[in-house]
């Protein structure tokens, strides 16, 4: 599965200033896909996953997809303790920046 690996590599090659924006675009697209939203629909970034209509099962699938695509682990409790897209993107961008500098 080379596409997810290339996404992870591309994200890690971005300057930290650009990483969060690119990551947000990627994560929002995945959430919209799971929520069966059109590309032109606005996804509220500060609304709880469950208020958006995600179920625990869908959130688990989304977590797995993001982990594989970004090559980073996501603790399941994070999704319940920081349950918004904005908070998830912030967390993931910090993890990816850290992964780059820990090499």
PDB file of N, CA and C in Angstrom:
ATOM      1  N   UNK A   1       0.849  -1.174   0.000  1.00  0.00           N
ATOM      2  CA  UNK A   1       0.000   0.000   0.000  1.00  0.00           C
ATOM      3  C   UNK A   1       0.895   1.238   0.000  1.00  0.00           C
ATOM      4  N   UNK A   2       1.331   1.668  -1.150  1.00  0.00           N
ATOM      5  CA  UNK A   2       2.306   2.752  -1.235  1.00  0.00           C
ATOM      6  C   UNK A   2       1.679   4.129  -1.042  1.00  0.00           C
ATOM      7  N   UNK A   3       0.404   4.310  -1.357  1.00  0.00           N
ATOM      8  CA  UNK A   3      -0.211   5.629  -1.209  1.00  0.00           C
ATOM      9  C   UNK A   3      -0.160   6.137   0.235  1.00  0.00           C
ATOM     10  N   UNK A   4      -0.613   5.370   1.252  1.00  0.00           N
ATOM     11  CA  UNK A   4      -0.520   5.874   2.617  1.00  0.00           C
ATOM     12  C   UNK A   4       0.913   6.213   3.020  1.00  0.00           C
ATOM     13  N   UNK A   5       1.852   5.381   2.626  1.00  0.00           N
ATOM     14  CA  UNK A   5       3.240   5.653   2.976  1.00  0.00           C
ATOM     15  C   UNK A   5       3.678   6.984   2.367  1.00  0.00           C
ATOM     16  N   UNK A   6       3.277   7.252   1.142  1.00  0.00           N
ATOM     17  CA  UNK A   6       3.667   8.495   0.500  1.00  0.00           C
ATOM     18  C   UNK A   6       3.029   9.698   1.190  1.00  0.00           C
ATOM     19  N   UNK A   7       1.817   9.540   1.727  1.00  0.00           N
ATOM     20  CA  UNK A   7       1.180  10.617   2.474  1.00  0.00           C
ATOM     21  C   UNK A   7       1.988  10.910   3.728  1.00  0.00           C
ATOM     22  N   UNK A   8       2.389   9.875   4.438  1.00  0.00           N
ATOM     23  CA  UNK A   8       3.179  10.053   5.652  1.00  0.00           C
ATOM     24  C   UNK A   8       4.502  10.741   5.341  1.00  0.00           C
ATOM     25  N   UNK A   9       5.160  10.296   4.289  1.00  0.00           N
ATOM     26  CA  UNK A   9       6.440  10.907   3.923  1.00  0.00           C
ATOM     27  C   UNK A   9       6.256  12.359   3.501  1.00  0.00           C
ATOM     28  N   UNK A  10       5.238  12.615   2.705  1.00  0.00           N
ATOM     29  CA  UNK A  10       4.991  13.987   2.265  1.00  0.00           C
ATOM     30  C   UNK A  10       4.715  14.907   3.448  1.00  0.00           C
ATOM     31  N   UNK A  11       3.924  14.447   4.398  1.00  0.00           N
ATOM     32  CA  UNK A  11       3.622  15.253   5.580  1.00  0.00           C
ATOM     33  C   UNK A  11       4.881  15.536   6.391  1.00  0.00           C
ATOM     34  N   UNK A  12       5.726  14.529   6.532  1.00  0.00           N
ATOM     35  CA  UNK A  12       6.941  14.696   7.324  1.00  0.00           C
ATOM     36  C   UNK A  12       7.974  15.606   6.640  1.00  0.00           C
ATOM     37  N   UNK A  13       7.863  15.753   5.336  1.00  0.00           N
ATOM     38  CA  UNK A  13       8.797  16.618   4.610  1.00  0.00           C
ATOM     39  C   UNK A  13       8.376  18.081   4.612  1.00  0.00           C
ATOM     40  N   UNK A  14       7.151  18.353   5.020  1.00  0.00           N
ATOM     41  CA  UNK A  14       6.659  19.730   5.024  1.00  0.00           C
ATOM     42  C   UNK A  14       7.301  20.529   6.160  1.00  0.00           C
ATOM     43  N   UNK A  15       7.521  21.813   5.944  1.00  0.00           N
ATOM     44  CA  UNK A  15       7.971  22.664   7.050  1.00  0.00           C
ATOM     45  C   UNK A  15       6.875  22.710   8.116  1.00  0.00           C
ATOM     46  N   UNK A  16       7.241  22.780   9.385  1.00  0.00           N
ATOM     47  CA  UNK A  16       6.232  22.801  10.448  1.00  0.00           C
ATOM     48  C   UNK A  16       5.143  23.859  10.229  1.00  0.00           C
ATOM     49  N   UNK A  17       5.493  24.989   9.636  1.00  0.00           N
ATOM     50  CA  UNK A  17       4.511  26.046   9.400  1.00  0.00           C
ATOM     51  C   UNK A  17       3.417  25.606   8.421  1.00  0.00           C
ATOM     52  N   UNK A  18       3.732  24.712   7.502  1.00  0.00           N
ATOM     53  CA  UNK A  18       2.765  24.241   6.511  1.00  0.00           C
ATOM     54  C   UNK A  18       2.106  22.926   6.902  1.00  0.00           C
ATOM     55  N   UNK A  19       2.731  22.196   7.800  1.00  0.00           N
ATOM     56  CA  UNK A  19       2.258  20.858   8.158  1.00  0.00           C
ATOM     57  C   UNK A  19       0.829  20.860   8.682  1.00  0.00           C
ATOM     58  N   UNK A  20       0.530  21.742   9.610  1.00  0.00           N
ATOM     59  CA  UNK A  20      -0.796  21.727  10.220  1.00  0.00           C
ATOM     60  C   UNK A  20      -1.884  21.978   9.179  1.00  0.00           C
ATOM     61  N   UNK A  21      -1.668  22.933   8.288  1.00  0.00           N
ATOM     62  CA  UNK A  21      -2.680  23.225   7.267  1.00  0.00           C
ATOM     63  C   UNK A  21      -2.909  22.029   6.348  1.00  0.00           C
ATOM     64  N   UNK A  22      -1.835  21.408   5.890  1.00  0.00           N
ATOM     65  CA  UNK A  22      -1.958  20.243   5.008  1.00  0.00           C
ATOM     66  C   UNK A  22      -2.608  19.073   5.734  1.00  0.00           C
ATOM     67  N   UNK A  23      -2.226  18.902   6.980  1.00  0.00           N
ATOM     68  CA  UNK A  23      -2.793  17.827   7.782  1.00  0.00           C
ATOM     69  C   UNK A  23      -4.287  18.051   8.006  1.00  0.00           C
ATOM     70  N   UNK A  24      -4.671  19.293   8.239  1.00  0.00           N
ATOM     71  CA  UNK A  24      -6.090  19.605   8.418  1.00  0.00           C
ATOM     72  C   UNK A  24      -6.887  19.264   7.162  1.00  0.00           C
ATOM     73  N   UNK A  25      -6.367  19.611   6.017  1.00  0.00           N
ATOM     74  CA  UNK A  25      -7.043  19.292   4.754  1.00  0.00           C
ATOM     75  C   UNK A  25      -7.221  17.777   4.622  1.00  0.00           C
ATOM     76  N   UNK A  26      -6.170  17.039   4.927  1.00  0.00           N
ATOM     77  CA  UNK A  26      -6.207  15.581   4.828  1.00  0.00           C
ATOM     78  C   UNK A  26      -7.218  14.982   5.811  1.00  0.00           C
ATOM     79  N   UNK A  27      -7.148  15.396   7.073  1.00  0.00           N
ATOM     80  CA  UNK A  27      -8.030  14.840   8.110  1.00  0.00           C
ATOM     81  C   UNK A  27      -9.481  15.212   7.833  1.00  0.00           C
ATOM     82  N   UNK A  28      -9.734  16.456   7.455  1.00  0.00           N
ATOM     83  CA  UNK A  28     -11.098  16.880   7.150  1.00  0.00           C
ATOM     84  C   UNK A  28     -11.673  16.048   6.000  1.00  0.00           C
ATOM     85  N   UNK A  29     -10.867  15.794   4.987  1.00  0.00           N
ATOM     86  CA  UNK A  29     -11.337  14.972   3.857  1.00  0.00           C
ATOM     87  C   UNK A  29     -11.717  13.573   4.325  1.00  0.00           C
ATOM     88  N   UNK A  30     -10.922  12.987   5.220  1.00  0.00           N
ATOM     89  CA  UNK A  30     -11.241  11.654   5.725  1.00  0.00           C
ATOM     90  C   UNK A  30     -12.531  11.670   6.535  1.00  0.00           C
ATOM     91  N   UNK A  31     -12.690  12.686   7.398  1.00  0.00           N
ATOM     92  CA  UNK A  31     -13.909  12.788   8.193  1.00  0.00           C
ATOM     93  C   UNK A  31     -15.128  12.962   7.295  1.00  0.00           C
ATOM     94  N   UNK A  32     -15.029  13.823   6.285  1.00  0.00           N
ATOM     95  CA  UNK A  32     -16.153  14.038   5.373  1.00  0.00           C
ATOM     96  C   UNK A  32     -16.516  12.744   4.652  1.00  0.00           C
ATOM     97  N   UNK A  33     -15.512  11.983   4.284  1.00  0.00           N
ATOM     98  CA  UNK A  33     -15.766  10.716   3.610  1.00  0.00           C
ATOM     99  C   UNK A  33     -16.558   9.772   4.509  1.00  0.00           C
ATOM    100  N   UNK A  34     -16.135   9.654   5.756  1.00  0.00           N
ATOM    101  CA  UNK A  34     -16.808   8.761   6.700  1.00  0.00           C
ATOM    102  C   UNK A  34     -18.220   9.260   7.011  1.00  0.00           C
ATOM    103  N   UNK A  35     -18.376  10.581   7.070  1.00  0.00           N
ATOM    104  CA  UNK A  35     -19.682  11.162   7.385  1.00  0.00           C
ATOM    105  C   UNK A  35     -20.578  11.318   6.155  1.00  0.00           C
ATOM    106  N   UNK A  36     -20.081  10.858   4.997  1.00  0.00           N
ATOM    107  CA  UNK A  36     -20.823  10.925   3.736  1.00  0.00           C
ATOM    108  C   UNK A  36     -21.203  12.366   3.370  1.00  0.00           C
ATOM    109  N   UNK A  37     -20.258  13.279   3.605  1.00  0.00           N
ATOM    110  CA  UNK A  37     -20.463  14.688   3.279  1.00  0.00           C
ATOM    111  C   UNK A  37     -19.884  14.980   1.900  1.00  0.00           C
ATOM    112  N   UNK A  38     -20.477  15.939   1.213  1.00  0.00           N
ATOM    113  CA  UNK A  38     -19.932  16.404  -0.057  1.00  0.00           C
ATOM    114  C   UNK A  38     -18.707  17.276   0.201  1.00  0.00           C
ATOM    115  N   UNK A  39     -17.854  17.389  -0.812  1.00  0.00           N
ATOM    116  CA  UNK A  39     -16.647  18.205  -0.682  1.00  0.00           C
ATOM    117  C   UNK A  39     -16.952  19.654  -0.345  1.00  0.00           C
ATOM    118  N   UNK A  40     -18.050  20.176  -0.863  1.00  0.00           N
ATOM    119  CA  UNK A  40     -18.370  21.589  -0.648  1.00  0.00           C
ATOM    120  C   UNK A  40     -19.013  21.860   0.708  1.00  0.00           C
ATOM    121  N   UNK A  41     -19.432  20.820   1.429  1.00  0.00           N
ATOM    122  CA  UNK A  41     -20.034  21.009   2.752  1.00  0.00           C
ATOM    123  C   UNK A  41     -18.964  21.385   3.769  1.00  0.00           C
ATOM    124  N   UNK A  42     -19.321  22.263   4.673  1.00  0.00           N
ATOM    125  CA  UNK A  42     -18.407  22.721   5.719  1.00  0.00           C
ATOM    126  C   UNK A  42     -18.445  21.744   6.895  1.00  0.00           C
ATOM    127  N   UNK A  43     -17.284  21.291   7.319  1.00  0.00           N
ATOM    128  CA  UNK A  43     -17.175  20.422   8.491  1.00  0.00           C
ATOM    129  C   UNK A  43     -16.765  21.289   9.675  1.00  0.00           C
ATOM    130  N   UNK A  44     -17.612  21.398  10.704  1.00  0.00           N
ATOM    131  CA  UNK A  44     -17.237  22.212  11.865  1.00  0.00           C
ATOM    132  C   UNK A  44     -16.074  21.557  12.614  1.00  0.00           C
ATOM    133  N   UNK A  45     -14.980  22.287  12.735  1.00  0.00           N
ATOM    134  CA  UNK A  45     -13.769  21.726  13.334  1.00  0.00           C
ATOM    135  C   UNK A  45     -13.806  21.686  14.854  1.00  0.00           C
ATOM    136  N   UNK A  46     -14.703  22.442  15.466  1.00  0.00           N
ATOM    137  CA  UNK A  46     -14.741  22.504  16.925  1.00  0.00           C
ATOM    138  C   UNK A  46     -15.958  21.794  17.523  1.00  0.00           C
ATOM    139  N   UNK A  47     -16.579  20.932  16.726  1.00  0.00           N
ATOM    140  CA  UNK A  47     -17.730  20.158  17.183  1.00  0.00           C
ATOM    141  C   UNK A  47     -17.278  18.741  17.520  1.00  0.00           C
ATOM    142  N   UNK A  48     -17.803  18.213  18.593  1.00  0.00           N
ATOM    143  CA  UNK A  48     -17.467  16.856  19.026  1.00  0.00           C
ATOM    144  C   UNK A  48     -17.728  15.847  17.905  1.00  0.00           C
ATOM    145  N   UNK A  49     -16.847  14.844  17.834  1.00  0.00           N
ATOM    146  CA  UNK A  49     -17.010  13.779  16.833  1.00  0.00           C
ATOM    147  C   UNK A  49     -18.419  13.191  16.875  1.00  0.00           C
ATOM    148  N   UNK A  50     -18.914  12.973  18.079  1.00  0.00           N
ATOM    149  CA  UNK A  50     -20.209  12.328  18.231  1.00  0.00           C
ATOM    150  C   UNK A  50     -21.348  13.274  17.855  1.00  0.00           C
ATOM    151  N   UNK A  51     -21.174  14.572  18.104  1.00  0.00           N
ATOM    152  CA  UNK A  51     -22.170  15.552  17.674  1.00  0.00           C
ATOM    153  C   UNK A  51     -22.174  15.689  16.154  1.00  0.00           C
ATOM    154  N   UNK A  52     -21.054  15.360  15.514  1.00  0.00           N
ATOM    155  CA  UNK A  52     -20.993  15.359  14.053  1.00  0.00           C
ATOM    156  C   UNK A  52     -21.731  14.157  13.465  1.00  0.00           C
ATOM    157  N   UNK A  53     -21.956  13.139  14.308  1.00  0.00           N
ATOM    158  CA  UNK A  53     -22.671  11.958  13.848  1.00  0.00           C
ATOM    159  C   UNK A  53     -21.819  10.711  13.758  1.00  0.00           C
ATOM    160  N   UNK A  54     -20.575  10.792  14.216  1.00  0.00           N
ATOM    161  CA  UNK A  54     -19.729   9.596  14.191  1.00  0.00           C
ATOM    162  C   UNK A  54     -20.128   8.631  15.294  1.00  0.00           C
ATOM    163  N   UNK A  55     -20.074   7.361  14.990  1.00  0.00           N
ATOM    164  CA  UNK A  55     -20.280   6.324  15.993  1.00  0.00           C
ATOM    165  C   UNK A  55     -18.902   5.850  16.459  1.00  0.00           C
ATOM    166  N   UNK A  56     -18.873   5.128  17.539  1.00  0.00           N
ATOM    167  CA  UNK A  56     -17.604   4.579  18.030  1.00  0.00           C
ATOM    168  C   UNK A  56     -16.964   3.676  16.983  1.00  0.00           C
ATOM    169  N   UNK A  57     -17.787   2.916  16.282  1.00  0.00           N
ATOM    170  CA  UNK A  57     -17.279   2.020  15.246  1.00  0.00           C
ATOM    171  C   UNK A  57     -16.635   2.814  14.106  1.00  0.00           C
ATOM    172  N   UNK A  58     -17.327   3.841  13.619  1.00  0.00           N
ATOM    173  CA  UNK A  58     -16.763   4.678  12.550  1.00  0.00           C
ATOM    174  C   UNK A  58     -15.503   5.399  13.008  1.00  0.00           C
ATOM    175  N   UNK A  59     -15.506   5.855  14.246  1.00  0.00           N
ATOM    176  CA  UNK A  59     -14.333   6.539  14.780  1.00  0.00           C
ATOM    177  C   UNK A  59     -13.146   5.584  14.866  1.00  0.00           C
ATOM    178  N   UNK A  60     -13.405   4.336  15.229  1.00  0.00           N
ATOM    179  CA  UNK A  60     -12.342   3.334  15.261  1.00  0.00           C
ATOM    180  C   UNK A  60     -11.757   3.069  13.883  1.00  0.00           C
ATOM    181  N   UNK A  61     -12.613   2.990  12.890  1.00  0.00           N
ATOM    182  CA  UNK A  61     -12.135   2.795  11.508  1.00  0.00           C
ATOM    183  C   UNK A  61     -11.329   3.999  11.028  1.00  0.00           C
ATOM    184  N   UNK A  62     -11.825   5.172  11.352  1.00  0.00           N
ATOM    185  CA  UNK A  62     -11.136   6.396  10.959  1.00  0.00           C
ATOM    186  C   UNK A  62      -9.772   6.487  11.639  1.00  0.00           C
ATOM    187  N   UNK A  63      -9.724   6.121  12.897  1.00  0.00           N
ATOM    188  CA  UNK A  63      -8.451   6.105  13.639  1.00  0.00           C
ATOM    189  C   UNK A  63      -7.448   5.191  12.945  1.00  0.00           C
ATOM    190  N   UNK A  64      -7.885   4.004  12.581  1.00  0.00           N
ATOM    191  CA  UNK A  64      -7.002   3.039  11.928  1.00  0.00           C
ATOM    192  C   UNK A  64      -6.508   3.580  10.582  1.00  0.00           C
ATOM    193  N   UNK A  65      -7.412   4.179   9.811  1.00  0.00           N
ATOM    194  CA  UNK A  65      -7.033   4.739   8.521  1.00  0.00           C
ATOM    195  C   UNK A  65      -6.009   5.861   8.684  1.00  0.00           C
ATOM    196  N   UNK A  66      -6.227   6.747   9.656  1.00  0.00           N
ATOM    197  CA  UNK A  66      -5.284   7.841   9.892  1.00  0.00           C
ATOM    198  C   UNK A  66      -3.928   7.321  10.372  1.00  0.00           C
ATOM    199  N   UNK A  67      -3.954   6.325  11.233  1.00  0.00           N
ATOM    200  CA  UNK A  67      -2.696   5.729  11.712  1.00  0.00           C
ATOM    201  C   UNK A  67      -1.885   5.166  10.548  1.00  0.00           C
ATOM    202  N   UNK A  68      -2.548   4.433   9.681  1.00  0.00           N
ATOM    203  CA  UNK A  68      -1.854   3.823   8.550  1.00  0.00           C
ATOM    204  C   UNK A  68      -1.368   4.869   7.557  1.00  0.00           C
ATOM    205  N   UNK A  69      -2.204   5.845   7.272  1.00  0.00           N
ATOM    206  CA  UNK A  69      -1.851   6.860   6.283  1.00  0.00           C
ATOM    207  C   UNK A  69      -0.723   7.757   6.763  1.00  0.00           C
ATOM    208  N   UNK A  70      -0.732   8.087   8.051  1.00  0.00           N
ATOM    209  CA  UNK A  70       0.257   9.022   8.591  1.00  0.00           C
ATOM    210  C   UNK A  70       1.427   8.324   9.267  1.00  0.00           C
ATOM    211  N   UNK A  71       1.347   7.004   9.375  1.00  0.00           N
ATOM    212  CA  UNK A  71       2.396   6.212  10.002  1.00  0.00           C
ATOM    213  C   UNK A  71       2.696   6.700  11.425  1.00  0.00           C
ATOM    214  N   UNK A  72       1.613   6.894  12.174  1.00  0.00           N
ATOM    215  CA  UNK A  72       1.725   7.348  13.559  1.00  0.00           C
ATOM    216  C   UNK A  72       0.592   6.719  14.361  1.00  0.00           C
ATOM    217  N   UNK A  73       0.893   6.322  15.578  1.00  0.00           N
ATOM    218  CA  UNK A  73      -0.132   5.739  16.439  1.00  0.00           C
ATOM    219  C   UNK A  73      -1.022   6.811  17.038  1.00  0.00           C
ATOM    220  N   UNK A  74      -2.298   6.491  17.188  1.00  0.00           N
ATOM    221  CA  UNK A  74      -3.247   7.402  17.815  1.00  0.00           C
ATOM    222  C   UNK A  74      -3.900   6.652  18.968  1.00  0.00           C
ATOM    223  N   UNK A  75      -3.650   7.086  20.180  1.00  0.00           N
ATOM    224  CA  UNK A  75      -4.225   6.461  21.362  1.00  0.00           C
ATOM    225  C   UNK A  75      -5.745   6.643  21.316  1.00  0.00           C
ATOM    226  N   UNK A  76      -6.476   5.573  21.486  1.00  0.00           N
ATOM    227  CA  UNK A  76      -7.937   5.632  21.414  1.00  0.00           C
ATOM    228  C   UNK A  76      -8.510   6.606  22.440  1.00  0.00           C
ATOM    229  N   UNK A  77      -7.887   6.716  23.591  1.00  0.00           N
ATOM    230  CA  UNK A  77      -8.410   7.643  24.602  1.00  0.00           C
ATOM    231  C   UNK A  77      -8.304   9.093  24.145  1.00  0.00           C
ATOM    232  N   UNK A  78      -7.354   9.387  23.282  1.00  0.00           N
ATOM    233  CA  UNK A  78      -7.221  10.735  22.744  1.00  0.00           C
ATOM    234  C   UNK A  78      -8.503  11.152  22.033  1.00  0.00           C
ATOM    235  N   UNK A  79      -9.091  10.226  21.301  1.00  0.00           N
ATOM    236  CA  UNK A  79     -10.294  10.536  20.536  1.00  0.00           C
ATOM    237  C   UNK A  79     -11.493  10.850  21.436  1.00  0.00           C
ATOM    238  N   UNK A  80     -11.449  10.373  22.656  1.00  0.00           N
ATOM    239  CA  UNK A  80     -12.534  10.651  23.591  1.00  0.00           C
ATOM    240  C   UNK A  80     -12.211  11.841  24.491  1.00  0.00           C
ATOM    241  N   UNK A  81     -10.910  12.081  24.738  1.00  0.00           N
ATOM    242  CA  UNK A  81     -10.499  13.190  25.595  1.00  0.00           C
ATOM    243  C   UNK A  81     -10.368  14.506  24.836  1.00  0.00           C
ATOM    244  N   UNK A  82     -10.066  14.451  23.559  1.00  0.00           N
ATOM    245  CA  UNK A  82      -9.978  15.651  22.716  1.00  0.00           C
ATOM    246  C   UNK A  82     -10.809  15.395  21.466  1.00  0.00           C
ATOM    247  N   UNK A  83     -12.120  15.375  21.632  1.00  0.00           N
ATOM    248  CA  UNK A  83     -12.996  14.874  20.573  1.00  0.00           C
ATOM    249  C   UNK A  83     -13.431  15.871  19.493  1.00  0.00           C
ATOM    250  N   UNK A  84     -12.509  16.683  18.997  1.00  0.00           N
ATOM    251  CA  UNK A  84     -12.857  17.536  17.859  1.00  0.00           C
ATOM    252  C   UNK A  84     -11.790  17.379  16.779  1.00  0.00           C
ATOM    253  N   UNK A  85     -12.153  17.710  15.566  1.00  0.00           N
ATOM    254  CA  UNK A  85     -11.209  17.618  14.459  1.00  0.00           C
ATOM    255  C   UNK A  85     -10.037  18.565  14.704  1.00  0.00           C
ATOM    256  N   UNK A  86     -10.333  19.769  15.180  1.00  0.00           N
ATOM    257  CA  UNK A  86      -9.272  20.745  15.443  1.00  0.00           C
ATOM    258  C   UNK A  86      -8.262  20.214  16.456  1.00  0.00           C
ATOM    259  N   UNK A  87      -8.753  19.643  17.545  1.00  0.00           N
ATOM    260  CA  UNK A  87      -7.860  19.104  18.571  1.00  0.00           C
ATOM    261  C   UNK A  87      -7.068  17.904  18.057  1.00  0.00           C
ATOM    262  N   UNK A  88      -7.695  17.070  17.258  1.00  0.00           N
ATOM    263  CA  UNK A  88      -7.004  15.920  16.676  1.00  0.00           C
ATOM    264  C   UNK A  88      -5.903  16.378  15.734  1.00  0.00           C
ATOM    265  N   UNK A  89      -6.197  17.350  14.883  1.00  0.00           N
ATOM    266  CA  UNK A  89      -5.190  17.862  13.943  1.00  0.00           C
ATOM    267  C   UNK A  89      -4.020  18.476  14.704  1.00  0.00           C
ATOM    268  N   UNK A  90      -4.297  19.223  15.753  1.00  0.00           N
ATOM    269  CA  UNK A  90      -3.229  19.815  16.565  1.00  0.00           C
ATOM    270  C   UNK A  90      -2.343  18.724  17.150  1.00  0.00           C
ATOM    271  N   UNK A  91      -2.959  17.709  17.707  1.00  0.00           N
ATOM    272  CA  UNK A  91      -2.207  16.594  18.292  1.00  0.00           C
ATOM    273  C   UNK A  91      -1.362  15.883  17.230  1.00  0.00           C
ATOM    274  N   UNK A  92      -1.969  15.573  16.102  1.00  0.00           N
ATOM    275  CA  UNK A  92      -1.247  14.854  15.056  1.00  0.00           C
ATOM    276  C   UNK A  92      -0.104  15.685  14.478  1.00  0.00           C
ATOM    277  N   UNK A  93      -0.307  16.980  14.322  1.00  0.00           N
ATOM    278  CA  UNK A  93       0.768  17.810  13.776  1.00  0.00           C
ATOM    279  C   UNK A  93       1.948  17.841  14.740  1.00  0.00           C
ATOM    280  N   UNK A  94       1.688  17.897  16.034  1.00  0.00           N
ATOM    281  CA  UNK A  94       2.780  17.846  17.023  1.00  0.00           C
ATOM    282  C   UNK A  94       3.505  16.509  16.955  1.00  0.00           C
ATOM    283  N   UNK A  95       2.735  15.417  16.825  1.00  0.00           N
ATOM    284  CA  UNK A  95       3.345  14.086  16.729  1.00  0.00           C
ATOM    285  C   UNK A  95       4.218  13.964  15.486  1.00  0.00           C
ATOM    286  N   UNK A  96       3.750  14.479  14.355  1.00  0.00           N
ATOM    287  CA  UNK A  96       4.518  14.376  13.118  1.00  0.00           C
ATOM    288  C   UNK A  96       5.768  15.235  13.156  1.00  0.00           C
ATOM    289  N   UNK A  97       5.680  16.419  13.722  1.00  0.00           N
ATOM    290  CA  UNK A  97       6.867  17.270  13.858  1.00  0.00           C
ATOM    291  C   UNK A  97       7.874  16.594  14.770  1.00  0.00           C
ATOM    292  N   UNK A  98       7.403  16.037  15.875  1.00  0.00           N
ATOM    293  CA  UNK A  98       8.283  15.330  16.803  1.00  0.00           C
ATOM    294  C   UNK A  98       8.942  14.138  16.120  1.00  0.00           C
ATOM    295  N   UNK A  99       8.180  13.400  15.315  1.00  0.00           N
ATOM    296  CA  UNK A  99       8.725  12.238  14.609  1.00  0.00           C
ATOM    297  C   UNK A  99       9.849  12.638  13.668  1.00  0.00           C
ATOM    298  N   UNK A 100       9.728  13.788  13.046  1.00  0.00           N
ATOM    299  CA  UNK A 100      10.762  14.270  12.129  1.00  0.00           C
ATOM    300  C   UNK A 100      12.032  14.595  12.893  1.00  0.00           C
ATOM    301  N   UNK A 101      11.903  15.284  14.018  1.00  0.00           N
ATOM    302  CA  UNK A 101      13.085  15.711  14.762  1.00  0.00           C
ATOM    303  C   UNK A 101      13.678  14.608  15.633  1.00  0.00           C
ATOM    304  N   UNK A 102      12.936  13.528  15.843  1.00  0.00           N
ATOM    305  CA  UNK A 102      13.458  12.403  16.632  1.00  0.00           C
ATOM    306  C   UNK A 102      14.253  11.411  15.764  1.00  0.00           C
ATOM    307  N   UNK A 103      14.299  11.648  14.455  1.00  0.00           N
ATOM    308  CA  UNK A 103      15.013  10.715  13.573  1.00  0.00           C
ATOM    309  C   UNK A 103      16.497  10.805  13.790  1.00  0.00           C
TER     310      UNK A 103
END
